[in-house]
Amino acid sequence: MKQLSYKEQIDRNNIAKIRELQKTLPAFTAEFFRAMEIRKSTNTRKNYAYDLGTFFYFLQHNNPSLEKLELQKLPLSVLDSIQATDIEEYLSFLEYYERDGVIYRNREEGKARKLSALSTFYTYYYKKELIRTNPTALVDVPKIKEKNIIRLEPNEVVELLDQVESGENLTRKQLESHEKTKIRDAAIITLLLGTGIRVSECVGLDLTDIDFDNGALRVIRKGGNEDLVYFGEEVEEALLQYMAERELLSPAPGHENALFISLKNTRLTTRSVERLVKKYASLVTTVKKITPHKLRSTFGTNLYQETGDIYLVADTLGHKNVDTTRKHYAAMNENKKRKAASQVHLREK
C-alpha cells in the first residue's frame, strides 16, 4: 500500500473532520460544502464548518423561534429571515461566549474571519438565487488594527542559535532531551530563519524534498501549490548535520519519509515546533513573544532590508497577493523617512 504524503494525510484528516462537523449543521449546508470542494482547500473548508457551526449555535440560542427546532432540520429559508442587525449582534456575541463549558473569545481578526466565512456562505446561495437577501453585504468588516512587525534583531538571532546549540540556560529537565534533539532543533530554527517558510511547510517536508545539488527544497504552500525555496550555506550546513543523524533513526510506520522526526519517531507536528521555538526564544527575550511566524517575519524583514524588492519578498514568502507583503514590510521605509527627518536641524542647538 502506497504511503500517503504529508499533504494527503492532512487532507484526509480534514475531510473526516468536515464530515463529522456537517452532521451538526443544517442539512441544506451540504450543497455549499460540495460546491466548495473544487474551489477551496480542505483546511479552509474545515474552518468554514467550524465557523458556520458557531453561527448556527448563535442563532439557535439567541432566537426564540429557533430555540426548540432541531438544527439539522432547519430549512434554507431561515437565511432570508436574518437581517444585517442580526449579523452585527453575532459579531458582538463572538467577543465573548461560552459553549459546552468552554469560554471563547474573538478579537477583531477572529470576527473578520468568521464574517468572511459567513459572507462566502451567503453569497453562494444568493448567486444561485436560492435566497432573496444577503445581509452580510450590508455589514462593515471589523477594523483590524495595524500591528508592528515583531522580529529578532541580528544579535538576538545569534544568541538564539547559540542557545539551541549549547542549551546553556535550559532547565535540568529540558537538558535531558536537549542532547538528543539539539542538532534537529538547530536545523529547524536555522531553516525557518534562513528561508522564511511557514511552520506547516517545515513539518510537511519529506526527505526527497531536499535538493542539496541546487540548494533548494520543495514545499507545499497554503492552498496546495508546490513551490521551490532556495537556501544558503548556513541552512545547508545545518541540514547536512541533521541528515547524518536522521539516517540513524528508525521512523514509525507511515512516517518513513518525514524529514523532521520526534523522539517518538513520528513526524514532528506544528505544535511541537511552536513549543521548541518558544522554549529557546524565551532564553533570548522575555519582551517579545517569538513564534515560528516571527522567525518568518525576521527573514522577510532582513530580505526586504537587503533588497528593497517587495515583489521578491512576496514571491519568496509565498504570498499570493503582494499587497499582503507590502502592508507588513513596506512600512519600514516610512520609519526610515521619519528617522531621516529627525536628523535635519534648521537651527543650531
C-alpha atoms as a PDB file:
ATOM      1  CA  MET A   1       0.000   0.000   0.000  1.00  0.00           C
ATOM      2  CA  LYS A   2       1.386   3.377  -1.058  1.00  0.00           C
ATOM      3  CA  GLN A   3       2.302   5.675   1.826  1.00  0.00           C
ATOM      4  CA  LEU A   4       0.312   8.894   1.842  1.00  0.00           C
ATOM      5  CA  SER A   5       2.218  12.136   1.560  1.00  0.00           C
ATOM      6  CA  TYR A   6       2.002  14.639   4.407  1.00  0.00           C
ATOM      7  CA  LYS A   7      -0.467  16.778   2.434  1.00  0.00           C
ATOM      8  CA  GLU A   8      -2.599  13.736   1.623  1.00  0.00           C
ATOM      9  CA  GLN A   9      -2.674  12.784   5.303  1.00  0.00           C
ATOM     10  CA  ILE A  10      -3.707  16.327   6.284  1.00  0.00           C
ATOM     11  CA  ASP A  11      -6.404  16.384   3.582  1.00  0.00           C
ATOM     12  CA  ARG A  12      -7.739  13.002   4.693  1.00  0.00           C
ATOM     13  CA  ASN A  13      -7.943  14.132   8.326  1.00  0.00           C
ATOM     14  CA  ASN A  14      -9.564  17.424   7.334  1.00  0.00           C
ATOM     15  CA  ILE A  15     -12.195  15.696   5.196  1.00  0.00           C
ATOM     16  CA  ALA A  16     -13.039  13.335   8.057  1.00  0.00           C
ATOM     17  CA  LYS A  17     -13.458  16.331  10.378  1.00  0.00           C
ATOM     18  CA  ILE A  18     -15.588  18.224   7.824  1.00  0.00           C
ATOM     19  CA  ARG A  19     -17.943  15.263   7.506  1.00  0.00           C
ATOM     20  CA  GLU A  20     -18.179  14.991  11.271  1.00  0.00           C
ATOM     21  CA  LEU A  21     -18.963  18.705  11.665  1.00  0.00           C
ATOM     22  CA  GLN A  22     -21.508  18.664   8.820  1.00  0.00           C
ATOM     23  CA  LYS A  23     -23.625  16.236  10.830  1.00  0.00           C
ATOM     24  CA  THR A  24     -24.184  19.024  13.360  1.00  0.00           C
ATOM     25  CA  LEU A  25     -25.178  21.624  10.722  1.00  0.00           C
ATOM     26  CA  PRO A  26     -28.463  22.128   8.821  1.00  0.00           C
ATOM     27  CA  ALA A  27     -28.808  19.552   6.042  1.00  0.00           C
ATOM     28  CA  PHE A  28     -29.012  22.234   3.352  1.00  0.00           C
ATOM     29  CA  THR A  29     -25.365  23.239   4.023  1.00  0.00           C
ATOM     30  CA  ALA A  30     -24.226  20.022   2.297  1.00  0.00           C
ATOM     31  CA  GLU A  31     -24.736  21.677  -1.091  1.00  0.00           C
ATOM     32  CA  PHE A  32     -22.454  24.556  -0.095  1.00  0.00           C
ATOM     33  CA  PHE A  33     -19.659  22.232   1.020  1.00  0.00           C
ATOM     34  CA  ARG A  34     -19.889  20.181  -2.183  1.00  0.00           C
ATOM     35  CA  ALA A  35     -19.536  23.359  -4.238  1.00  0.00           C
ATOM     36  CA  MET A  36     -16.504  24.432  -2.213  1.00  0.00           C
ATOM     37  CA  GLU A  37     -14.633  21.186  -2.894  1.00  0.00           C
ATOM     38  CA  ILE A  38     -13.271  22.423  -6.228  1.00  0.00           C
ATOM     39  CA  ARG A  39     -12.600  25.978  -5.026  1.00  0.00           C
ATOM     40  CA  LYS A  40     -11.219  25.783  -1.509  1.00  0.00           C
ATOM     41  CA  SER A  41      -8.585  23.728   0.310  1.00  0.00           C
ATOM     42  CA  THR A  42      -9.662  21.131   2.850  1.00  0.00           C
ATOM     43  CA  ASN A  43      -8.291  23.314   5.642  1.00  0.00           C
ATOM     44  CA  THR A  44     -10.406  26.299   4.532  1.00  0.00           C
ATOM     45  CA  ARG A  45     -13.493  24.109   4.261  1.00  0.00           C
ATOM     46  CA  LYS A  46     -12.861  22.724   7.722  1.00  0.00           C
ATOM     47  CA  ASN A  47     -12.645  26.288   9.081  1.00  0.00           C
ATOM     48  CA  TYR A  48     -15.911  27.100   7.286  1.00  0.00           C
ATOM     49  CA  ALA A  49     -17.540  24.151   9.059  1.00  0.00           C
ATOM     50  CA  TYR A  50     -16.330  25.349  12.467  1.00  0.00           C
ATOM     51  CA  ASP A  51     -17.366  28.956  11.799  1.00  0.00           C
ATOM     52  CA  LEU A  52     -20.812  28.056  10.450  1.00  0.00           C
ATOM     53  CA  GLY A  53     -21.310  25.830  13.464  1.00  0.00           C
ATOM     54  CA  THR A  54     -20.693  28.853  15.685  1.00  0.00           C
ATOM     55  CA  PHE A  55     -23.125  30.978  13.640  1.00  0.00           C
ATOM     56  CA  PHE A  56     -25.969  28.472  13.835  1.00  0.00           C
ATOM     57  CA  TYR A  57     -25.274  27.936  17.535  1.00  0.00           C
ATOM     58  CA  PHE A  58     -25.711  31.695  17.988  1.00  0.00           C
ATOM     59  CA  LEU A  59     -28.973  31.688  16.008  1.00  0.00           C
ATOM     60  CA  GLN A  60     -30.454  28.798  17.919  1.00  0.00           C
ATOM     61  CA  HIS A  61     -29.560  30.185  21.345  1.00  0.00           C
ATOM     62  CA  ASN A  62     -30.457  33.813  20.662  1.00  0.00           C
ATOM     63  CA  ASN A  63     -33.608  33.454  18.564  1.00  0.00           C
ATOM     64  CA  PRO A  64     -36.696  32.193  20.466  1.00  0.00           C
ATOM     65  CA  SER A  65     -38.362  30.999  17.253  1.00  0.00           C
ATOM     66  CA  LEU A  66     -35.436  28.666  16.505  1.00  0.00           C
ATOM     67  CA  GLU A  67     -34.606  27.544  20.018  1.00  0.00           C
ATOM     68  CA  LYS A  68     -36.816  24.442  20.008  1.00  0.00           C
ATOM     69  CA  LEU A  69     -36.130  23.428  16.402  1.00  0.00           C
ATOM     70  CA  GLU A  70     -33.696  20.658  15.541  1.00  0.00           C
ATOM     71  CA  LEU A  71     -30.655  22.341  13.985  1.00  0.00           C
ATOM     72  CA  GLN A  72     -30.145  19.718  11.292  1.00  0.00           C
ATOM     73  CA  LYS A  73     -33.734  20.208  10.054  1.00  0.00           C
ATOM     74  CA  LEU A  74     -33.620  23.980   9.675  1.00  0.00           C
ATOM     75  CA  PRO A  75     -34.867  24.977   6.192  1.00  0.00           C
ATOM     76  CA  LEU A  76     -32.829  27.093   3.785  1.00  0.00           C
ATOM     77  CA  SER A  77     -35.478  29.803   4.112  1.00  0.00           C
ATOM     78  CA  VAL A  78     -34.115  30.589   7.584  1.00  0.00           C
ATOM     79  CA  LEU A  79     -31.313  32.516   5.878  1.00  0.00           C
ATOM     80  CA  ASP A  80     -33.831  35.021   4.476  1.00  0.00           C
ATOM     81  CA  SER A  81     -35.105  35.713   7.983  1.00  0.00           C
ATOM     82  CA  ILE A  82     -31.699  37.059   9.046  1.00  0.00           C
ATOM     83  CA  GLN A  83     -31.102  40.793   8.825  1.00  0.00           C
ATOM     84  CA  ALA A  84     -27.925  42.878   8.943  1.00  0.00           C
ATOM     85  CA  THR A  85     -28.627  43.759  12.588  1.00  0.00           C
ATOM     86  CA  ASP A  86     -28.620  40.034  13.404  1.00  0.00           C
ATOM     87  CA  ILE A  87     -25.179  39.689  11.823  1.00  0.00           C
ATOM     88  CA  GLU A  88     -23.954  42.666  13.875  1.00  0.00           C
ATOM     89  CA  GLU A  89     -25.331  41.024  17.029  1.00  0.00           C
ATOM     90  CA  TYR A  90     -23.487  37.844  16.016  1.00  0.00           C
ATOM     91  CA  LEU A  91     -20.192  39.752  15.768  1.00  0.00           C
ATOM     92  CA  SER A  92     -20.845  41.216  19.216  1.00  0.00           C
ATOM     93  CA  PHE A  93     -21.633  37.722  20.524  1.00  0.00           C
ATOM     94  CA  LEU A  94     -18.255  36.486  19.251  1.00  0.00           C
ATOM     95  CA  GLU A  95     -16.455  38.884  21.588  1.00  0.00           C
ATOM     96  CA  TYR A  96     -17.092  36.519  24.490  1.00  0.00           C
ATOM     97  CA  TYR A  97     -19.315  33.439  24.737  1.00  0.00           C
ATOM     98  CA  GLU A  98     -19.488  30.071  26.441  1.00  0.00           C
ATOM     99  CA  ARG A  99     -20.269  26.826  24.644  1.00  0.00           C
ATOM    100  CA  ASP A 100     -20.254  23.332  26.117  1.00  0.00           C
ATOM    101  CA  GLY A 101     -18.463  24.623  29.189  1.00  0.00           C
ATOM    102  CA  VAL A 102     -15.665  26.275  27.173  1.00  0.00           C
ATOM    103  CA  ILE A 103     -15.197  30.049  27.066  1.00  0.00           C
ATOM    104  CA  TYR A 104     -14.361  31.536  23.655  1.00  0.00           C
ATOM    105  CA  ARG A 105     -13.083  34.998  22.843  1.00  0.00           C
ATOM    106  CA  ASN A 106     -12.560  36.640  19.468  1.00  0.00           C
ATOM    107  CA  ARG A 107     -10.610  39.771  18.684  1.00  0.00           C
ATOM    108  CA  GLU A 108     -11.211  41.804  15.554  1.00  0.00           C
ATOM    109  CA  GLU A 109      -9.157  39.388  13.429  1.00  0.00           C
ATOM    110  CA  GLY A 110     -11.292  36.445  14.532  1.00  0.00           C
ATOM    111  CA  LYS A 111     -14.527  38.346  13.950  1.00  0.00           C
ATOM    112  CA  ALA A 112     -13.383  39.400  10.469  1.00  0.00           C
ATOM    113  CA  ARG A 113     -12.538  35.804   9.538  1.00  0.00           C
ATOM    114  CA  LYS A 114     -15.879  34.482  10.733  1.00  0.00           C
ATOM    115  CA  LEU A 115     -17.724  37.254   8.888  1.00  0.00           C
ATOM    116  CA  SER A 116     -15.766  36.368   5.734  1.00  0.00           C
ATOM    117  CA  ALA A 117     -16.810  32.707   6.061  1.00  0.00           C
ATOM    118  CA  LEU A 118     -20.426  33.717   6.560  1.00  0.00           C
ATOM    119  CA  SER A 119     -20.245  36.077   3.584  1.00  0.00           C
ATOM    120  CA  THR A 120     -18.940  33.267   1.335  1.00  0.00           C
ATOM    121  CA  PHE A 121     -21.769  31.060   2.602  1.00  0.00           C
ATOM    122  CA  TYR A 122     -24.492  33.622   1.936  1.00  0.00           C
ATOM    123  CA  THR A 123     -23.015  34.699  -1.407  1.00  0.00           C
ATOM    124  CA  TYR A 124     -23.127  31.126  -2.698  1.00  0.00           C
ATOM    125  CA  TYR A 125     -26.868  30.746  -2.107  1.00  0.00           C
ATOM    126  CA  TYR A 126     -27.621  34.311  -3.213  1.00  0.00           C
ATOM    127  CA  LYS A 127     -25.862  33.867  -6.578  1.00  0.00           C
ATOM    128  CA  LYS A 128     -27.720  30.595  -7.061  1.00  0.00           C
ATOM    129  CA  GLU A 129     -30.940  32.577  -6.465  1.00  0.00           C
ATOM    130  CA  LEU A 130     -31.904  30.184  -3.698  1.00  0.00           C
ATOM    131  CA  ILE A 131     -32.303  33.065  -1.227  1.00  0.00           C
ATOM    132  CA  ARG A 132     -33.527  36.634  -1.767  1.00  0.00           C
ATOM    133  CA  THR A 133     -31.192  38.552   0.543  1.00  0.00           C
ATOM    134  CA  ASN A 134     -27.535  38.744   1.540  1.00  0.00           C
ATOM    135  CA  PRO A 135     -27.311  40.648   4.843  1.00  0.00           C
ATOM    136  CA  THR A 136     -23.563  40.056   5.152  1.00  0.00           C
ATOM    137  CA  ALA A 137     -23.034  42.542   2.286  1.00  0.00           C
ATOM    138  CA  LEU A 138     -24.550  45.267   4.478  1.00  0.00           C
ATOM    139  CA  VAL A 139     -22.247  44.720   7.466  1.00  0.00           C
ATOM    140  CA  ASP A 140     -18.918  46.501   7.831  1.00  0.00           C
ATOM    141  CA  VAL A 141     -15.878  44.281   8.298  1.00  0.00           C
ATOM    142  CA  PRO A 142     -14.355  44.758  11.780  1.00  0.00           C
ATOM    143  CA  LYS A 143     -11.415  47.122  11.577  1.00  0.00           C
ATOM    144  CA  ILE A 144      -8.180  45.316  12.303  1.00  0.00           C
ATOM    145  CA  LYS A 145      -5.511  47.413  13.947  1.00  0.00           C
ATOM    146  CA  GLU A 146      -2.157  47.535  12.219  1.00  0.00           C
ATOM    147  CA  LYS A 147       0.491  45.746  14.262  1.00  0.00           C
ATOM    148  CA  ASN A 148       4.195  46.389  14.327  1.00  0.00           C
ATOM    149  CA  ILE A 149       6.311  43.587  12.927  1.00  0.00           C
ATOM    150  CA  ILE A 150       7.790  41.603  15.794  1.00  0.00           C
ATOM    151  CA  ARG A 151      11.114  40.126  14.791  1.00  0.00           C
ATOM    152  CA  LEU A 152      14.514  39.239  16.170  1.00  0.00           C
ATOM    153  CA  GLU A 153      17.403  41.668  15.931  1.00  0.00           C
ATOM    154  CA  PRO A 154      20.677  40.323  14.461  1.00  0.00           C
ATOM    155  CA  ASN A 155      22.249  39.902  17.910  1.00  0.00           C
ATOM    156  CA  GLU A 156      19.149  38.035  19.108  1.00  0.00           C
ATOM    157  CA  VAL A 157      19.334  35.667  16.119  1.00  0.00           C
ATOM    158  CA  VAL A 158      22.944  34.825  17.029  1.00  0.00           C
ATOM    159  CA  GLU A 159      22.022  34.306  20.677  1.00  0.00           C
ATOM    160  CA  LEU A 160      19.048  32.111  19.730  1.00  0.00           C
ATOM    161  CA  LEU A 161      21.191  29.816  17.602  1.00  0.00           C
ATOM    162  CA  ASP A 162      23.837  29.708  20.352  1.00  0.00           C
ATOM    163  CA  GLN A 163      21.207  28.684  22.893  1.00  0.00           C
ATOM    164  CA  VAL A 164      19.980  25.879  20.635  1.00  0.00           C
ATOM    165  CA  GLU A 165      23.491  24.532  20.219  1.00  0.00           C
ATOM    166  CA  SER A 166      24.632  24.859  23.833  1.00  0.00           C
ATOM    167  CA  GLY A 167      21.439  24.532  25.869  1.00  0.00           C
ATOM    168  CA  GLU A 168      23.310  26.656  28.375  1.00  0.00           C
ATOM    169  CA  ASN A 169      20.301  28.178  30.133  1.00  0.00           C
ATOM    170  CA  LEU A 170      17.856  25.304  29.851  1.00  0.00           C
ATOM    171  CA  THR A 171      16.397  23.692  32.950  1.00  0.00           C
ATOM    172  CA  ARG A 172      17.669  20.347  34.152  1.00  0.00           C
ATOM    173  CA  LYS A 173      14.546  18.635  32.813  1.00  0.00           C
ATOM    174  CA  GLN A 174      14.904  20.333  29.407  1.00  0.00           C
ATOM    175  CA  LEU A 175      18.560  19.300  29.208  1.00  0.00           C
ATOM    176  CA  GLU A 176      17.544  15.632  29.452  1.00  0.00           C
ATOM    177  CA  SER A 177      16.188  15.701  25.906  1.00  0.00           C
ATOM    178  CA  HIS A 178      18.377  18.510  24.550  1.00  0.00           C
ATOM    179  CA  GLU A 179      21.324  16.258  23.771  1.00  0.00           C
ATOM    180  CA  LYS A 180      19.048  14.094  21.608  1.00  0.00           C
ATOM    181  CA  THR A 181      17.344  16.949  19.775  1.00  0.00           C
ATOM    182  CA  LYS A 182      19.819  19.844  19.559  1.00  0.00           C
ATOM    183  CA  ILE A 183      21.023  19.051  16.017  1.00  0.00           C
ATOM    184  CA  ARG A 184      17.444  18.635  14.810  1.00  0.00           C
ATOM    185  CA  ASP A 185      16.301  21.779  16.622  1.00  0.00           C
ATOM    186  CA  ALA A 186      19.206  23.787  15.211  1.00  0.00           C
ATOM    187  CA  ALA A 187      18.321  22.604  11.698  1.00  0.00           C
ATOM    188  CA  ILE A 188      14.672  23.601  12.142  1.00  0.00           C
ATOM    189  CA  ILE A 189      15.347  27.064  13.561  1.00  0.00           C
ATOM    190  CA  THR A 190      18.104  27.758  11.020  1.00  0.00           C
ATOM    191  CA  LEU A 191      15.757  26.649   8.238  1.00  0.00           C
ATOM    192  CA  LEU A 192      12.924  28.901   9.451  1.00  0.00           C
ATOM    193  CA  LEU A 193      15.253  31.887   9.856  1.00  0.00           C
ATOM    194  CA  GLY A 194      17.087  31.251   6.590  1.00  0.00           C
ATOM    195  CA  THR A 195      14.160  30.612   4.253  1.00  0.00           C
ATOM    196  CA  GLY A 196      11.056  32.146   5.843  1.00  0.00           C
ATOM    197  CA  ILE A 197       8.945  29.039   5.216  1.00  0.00           C
ATOM    198  CA  ARG A 198       5.807  28.521   7.284  1.00  0.00           C
ATOM    199  CA  VAL A 199       5.848  26.066  10.173  1.00  0.00           C
ATOM    200  CA  SER A 200       3.293  23.893   8.320  1.00  0.00           C
ATOM    201  CA  GLU A 201       5.611  23.825   5.298  1.00  0.00           C
ATOM    202  CA  CYS A 202       8.523  22.907   7.544  1.00  0.00           C
ATOM    203  CA  VAL A 203       6.900  19.904   9.224  1.00  0.00           C
ATOM    204  CA  GLY A 204       5.488  18.784   5.861  1.00  0.00           C
ATOM    205  CA  LEU A 205       8.948  18.336   4.348  1.00  0.00           C
ATOM    206  CA  ASP A 206       9.943  14.844   3.226  1.00  0.00           C
ATOM    207  CA  LEU A 207      13.478  13.547   2.767  1.00  0.00           C
ATOM    208  CA  THR A 208      13.026  13.678  -1.001  1.00  0.00           C
ATOM    209  CA  ASP A 209      12.094  17.375  -0.872  1.00  0.00           C
ATOM    210  CA  ILE A 210      15.686  18.458  -0.152  1.00  0.00           C
ATOM    211  CA  ASP A 211      17.895  19.109  -3.185  1.00  0.00           C
ATOM    212  CA  PHE A 212      21.419  19.833  -1.975  1.00  0.00           C
ATOM    213  CA  ASP A 213      22.805  19.968  -5.524  1.00  0.00           C
ATOM    214  CA  ASN A 214      20.742  23.064  -6.283  1.00  0.00           C
ATOM    215  CA  GLY A 215      20.370  24.391  -2.737  1.00  0.00           C
ATOM    216  CA  ALA A 216      16.597  24.130  -2.873  1.00  0.00           C
ATOM    217  CA  LEU A 217      13.703  22.486  -1.127  1.00  0.00           C
ATOM    218  CA  ARG A 218      10.216  21.696  -2.369  1.00  0.00           C
ATOM    219  CA  VAL A 219       7.351  22.932  -0.209  1.00  0.00           C
ATOM    220  CA  ILE A 220       3.587  22.707  -0.414  1.00  0.00           C
ATOM    221  CA  ARG A 221       2.219  26.211   0.055  1.00  0.00           C
ATOM    222  CA  LYS A 222      -1.116  27.239   1.516  1.00  0.00           C
ATOM    223  CA  GLY A 223      -3.790  26.130  -0.917  1.00  0.00           C
ATOM    224  CA  GLY A 224      -1.761  23.089  -2.003  1.00  0.00           C
ATOM    225  CA  ASN A 225       0.505  24.716  -4.600  1.00  0.00           C
ATOM    226  CA  GLU A 226       4.029  23.342  -4.949  1.00  0.00           C
ATOM    227  CA  ASP A 227       6.963  25.764  -4.812  1.00  0.00           C
ATOM    228  CA  LEU A 228      10.764  25.753  -4.744  1.00  0.00           C
ATOM    229  CA  VAL A 229      12.526  27.598  -1.928  1.00  0.00           C
ATOM    230  CA  TYR A 230      16.273  28.208  -2.103  1.00  0.00           C
ATOM    231  CA  PHE A 231      18.627  28.159   0.867  1.00  0.00           C
ATOM    232  CA  GLY A 232      22.127  29.405   1.629  1.00  0.00           C
ATOM    233  CA  GLU A 233      25.262  27.870   3.113  1.00  0.00           C
ATOM    234  CA  GLU A 234      24.239  28.177   6.773  1.00  0.00           C
ATOM    235  CA  VAL A 235      20.966  26.367   6.161  1.00  0.00           C
ATOM    236  CA  GLU A 236      22.749  23.754   4.059  1.00  0.00           C
ATOM    237  CA  GLU A 237      25.288  23.085   6.809  1.00  0.00           C
ATOM    238  CA  ALA A 238      22.584  22.737   9.485  1.00  0.00           C
ATOM    239  CA  LEU A 239      20.546  20.396   7.279  1.00  0.00           C
ATOM    240  CA  LEU A 240      23.552  18.233   6.408  1.00  0.00           C
ATOM    241  CA  GLN A 241      24.407  17.824  10.086  1.00  0.00           C
ATOM    242  CA  TYR A 242      20.852  16.760  10.806  1.00  0.00           C
ATOM    243  CA  MET A 243      20.694  14.431   7.778  1.00  0.00           C
ATOM    244  CA  ALA A 244      23.661  12.483   9.142  1.00  0.00           C
ATOM    245  CA  GLU A 245      21.697  11.985  12.353  1.00  0.00           C
ATOM    246  CA  ARG A 246      18.408  11.343  10.549  1.00  0.00           C
ATOM    247  CA  GLU A 247      19.896   8.345   8.716  1.00  0.00           C
ATOM    248  CA  LEU A 248      20.348   6.587  12.064  1.00  0.00           C
ATOM    249  CA  LEU A 249      16.714   6.999  13.151  1.00  0.00           C
ATOM    250  CA  SER A 250      14.021   4.345  12.788  1.00  0.00           C
ATOM    251  CA  PRO A 251      10.769   6.174  11.993  1.00  0.00           C
ATOM    252  CA  ALA A 252       7.452   4.634  12.949  1.00  0.00           C
ATOM    253  CA  PRO A 253       5.400   3.021  10.155  1.00  0.00           C
ATOM    254  CA  GLY A 254       3.844   5.685   7.960  1.00  0.00           C
ATOM    255  CA  HIS A 255       6.491   8.259   8.904  1.00  0.00           C
ATOM    256  CA  GLU A 256       9.467   6.873   6.976  1.00  0.00           C
ATOM    257  CA  ASN A 257       9.578   9.781   4.515  1.00  0.00           C
ATOM    258  CA  ALA A 258       9.289  12.583   7.077  1.00  0.00           C
ATOM    259  CA  LEU A 259      12.321  14.855   7.319  1.00  0.00           C
ATOM    260  CA  PHE A 260      11.906  16.017  10.903  1.00  0.00           C
ATOM    261  CA  ILE A 261      11.222  13.228  13.395  1.00  0.00           C
ATOM    262  CA  SER A 262      10.115  13.476  17.024  1.00  0.00           C
ATOM    263  CA  LEU A 263      11.540  11.474  19.921  1.00  0.00           C
ATOM    264  CA  LYS A 264       8.567   9.153  19.395  1.00  0.00           C
ATOM    265  CA  ASN A 265       9.854   8.506  15.859  1.00  0.00           C
ATOM    266  CA  THR A 266       6.833  10.161  14.236  1.00  0.00           C
ATOM    267  CA  ARG A 267       6.672  13.231  12.002  1.00  0.00           C
ATOM    268  CA  LEU A 268       7.106  16.383  14.035  1.00  0.00           C
ATOM    269  CA  THR A 269       3.898  18.423  14.387  1.00  0.00           C
ATOM    270  CA  THR A 270       3.400  22.177  14.039  1.00  0.00           C
ATOM    271  CA  ARG A 271       2.585  22.326  17.747  1.00  0.00           C
ATOM    272  CA  SER A 272       5.896  20.645  18.608  1.00  0.00           C
ATOM    273  CA  VAL A 273       7.846  23.171  16.522  1.00  0.00           C
ATOM    274  CA  GLU A 274       5.932  26.032  18.147  1.00  0.00           C
ATOM    275  CA  ARG A 275       6.889  24.684  21.567  1.00  0.00           C
ATOM    276  CA  LEU A 276      10.569  24.267  20.745  1.00  0.00           C
ATOM    277  CA  VAL A 277      10.801  27.780  19.270  1.00  0.00           C
ATOM    278  CA  LYS A 278       9.113  29.196  22.379  1.00  0.00           C
ATOM    279  CA  LYS A 279      11.469  27.227  24.625  1.00  0.00           C
ATOM    280  CA  TYR A 280      14.663  28.597  23.094  1.00  0.00           C
ATOM    281  CA  ALA A 281      13.347  32.089  22.323  1.00  0.00           C
ATOM    282  CA  SER A 282      12.335  32.615  25.959  1.00  0.00           C
ATOM    283  CA  LEU A 283      16.027  32.331  26.835  1.00  0.00           C
ATOM    284  CA  VAL A 284      16.820  35.201  24.476  1.00  0.00           C
ATOM    285  CA  THR A 285      13.993  37.674  25.064  1.00  0.00           C
ATOM    286  CA  THR A 286      11.118  37.878  27.519  1.00  0.00           C
ATOM    287  CA  VAL A 287       9.712  41.062  25.986  1.00  0.00           C
ATOM    288  CA  LYS A 288       8.971  39.661  22.522  1.00  0.00           C
ATOM    289  CA  LYS A 289       6.656  36.708  22.044  1.00  0.00           C
ATOM    290  CA  ILE A 290       8.629  34.758  19.457  1.00  0.00           C
ATOM    291  CA  THR A 291       6.827  32.107  17.404  1.00  0.00           C
ATOM    292  CA  PRO A 292       7.750  30.323  14.160  1.00  0.00           C
ATOM    293  CA  HIS A 293       5.811  33.047  12.337  1.00  0.00           C
ATOM    294  CA  LYS A 294       8.024  35.694  13.958  1.00  0.00           C
ATOM    295  CA  LEU A 295      11.076  33.858  12.607  1.00  0.00           C
ATOM    296  CA  ARG A 296       9.393  34.103   9.199  1.00  0.00           C
ATOM    297  CA  SER A 297       8.925  37.841   9.801  1.00  0.00           C
ATOM    298  CA  THR A 298      12.592  38.124  10.742  1.00  0.00           C
ATOM    299  CA  PHE A 299      13.584  36.549   7.419  1.00  0.00           C
ATOM    300  CA  GLY A 300      11.147  38.733   5.458  1.00  0.00           C
ATOM    301  CA  THR A 301      12.386  41.894   7.153  1.00  0.00           C
ATOM    302  CA  ASN A 302      16.031  41.033   6.520  1.00  0.00           C
ATOM    303  CA  LEU A 303      15.342  40.187   2.881  1.00  0.00           C
ATOM    304  CA  TYR A 304      13.461  43.437   2.313  1.00  0.00           C
ATOM    305  CA  GLN A 305      16.172  45.487   4.007  1.00  0.00           C
ATOM    306  CA  GLU A 306      18.830  43.858   1.834  1.00  0.00           C
ATOM    307  CA  THR A 307      16.994  44.063  -1.488  1.00  0.00           C
ATOM    308  CA  GLY A 308      14.250  46.685  -1.166  1.00  0.00           C
ATOM    309  CA  ASP A 309      12.315  44.476  -3.599  1.00  0.00           C
ATOM    310  CA  ILE A 310       8.806  43.913  -2.236  1.00  0.00           C
ATOM    311  CA  TYR A 311       7.917  41.605  -5.152  1.00  0.00           C
ATOM    312  CA  LEU A 312      10.889  39.364  -4.433  1.00  0.00           C
ATOM    313  CA  VAL A 313       9.925  39.202  -0.760  1.00  0.00           C
ATOM    314  CA  ALA A 314       6.324  38.338  -1.679  1.00  0.00           C
ATOM    315  CA  ASP A 315       7.426  35.594  -4.070  1.00  0.00           C
ATOM    316  CA  THR A 316       9.959  34.135  -1.629  1.00  0.00           C
ATOM    317  CA  LEU A 317       7.447  34.073   1.222  1.00  0.00           C
ATOM    318  CA  GLY A 318       4.777  32.531  -0.993  1.00  0.00           C
ATOM    319  CA  HIS A 319       2.304  35.408  -0.676  1.00  0.00           C
ATOM    320  CA  LYS A 320      -0.366  35.229  -3.378  1.00  0.00           C
ATOM    321  CA  ASN A 321      -1.024  38.956  -3.131  1.00  0.00           C
ATOM    322  CA  VAL A 322       1.869  41.413  -2.975  1.00  0.00           C
ATOM    323  CA  ASP A 323      -0.388  43.812  -1.056  1.00  0.00           C
ATOM    324  CA  THR A 324      -0.162  41.415   1.884  1.00  0.00           C
ATOM    325  CA  THR A 325       3.618  41.743   1.818  1.00  0.00           C
ATOM    326  CA  ARG A 326       3.576  45.484   1.252  1.00  0.00           C
ATOM    327  CA  LYS A 327       1.254  46.003   4.214  1.00  0.00           C
ATOM    328  CA  HIS A 328       3.706  44.259   6.528  1.00  0.00           C
ATOM    329  CA  TYR A 329       7.095  45.314   5.232  1.00  0.00           C
ATOM    330  CA  ALA A 330       6.854  48.497   3.189  1.00  0.00           C
ATOM    331  CA  ALA A 331       6.064  50.458   6.362  1.00  0.00           C
ATOM    332  CA  MET A 332       9.748  50.097   7.252  1.00  0.00           C
ATOM    333  CA  ASN A 333      10.541  52.695   4.586  1.00  0.00           C
ATOM    334  CA  GLU A 334       8.245  55.149   6.358  1.00  0.00           C
ATOM    335  CA  ASN A 335      10.137  54.598   9.595  1.00  0.00           C
ATOM    336  CA  LYS A 336      13.400  55.316   7.811  1.00  0.00           C
ATOM    337  CA  LYS A 337      11.930  58.540   6.417  1.00  0.00           C
ATOM    338  CA  ARG A 338      10.832  59.633   9.878  1.00  0.00           C
ATOM    339  CA  LYS A 339      14.281  58.940  11.335  1.00  0.00           C
ATOM    340  CA  ALA A 340      15.920  60.819   8.475  1.00  0.00           C
ATOM    341  CA  ALA A 341      13.674  63.844   9.073  1.00  0.00           C
ATOM    342  CA  SER A 342      14.660  63.969  12.729  1.00  0.00           C
ATOM    343  CA  GLN A 343      18.316  64.256  11.741  1.00  0.00           C
ATOM    344  CA  VAL A 344      17.765  67.544   9.902  1.00  0.00           C
ATOM    345  CA  HIS A 345      18.129  70.623  12.145  1.00  0.00           C
ATOM    346  CA  LEU A 346      17.223  74.078  10.922  1.00  0.00           C
ATOM    347  CA  ARG A 347      18.793  75.885  13.878  1.00  0.00           C
ATOM    348  CA  GLU A 348      21.909  75.007  15.739  1.00  0.00           C
ATOM    349  CA  LYS A 349      21.230  73.658  19.192  1.00  0.00           C
END
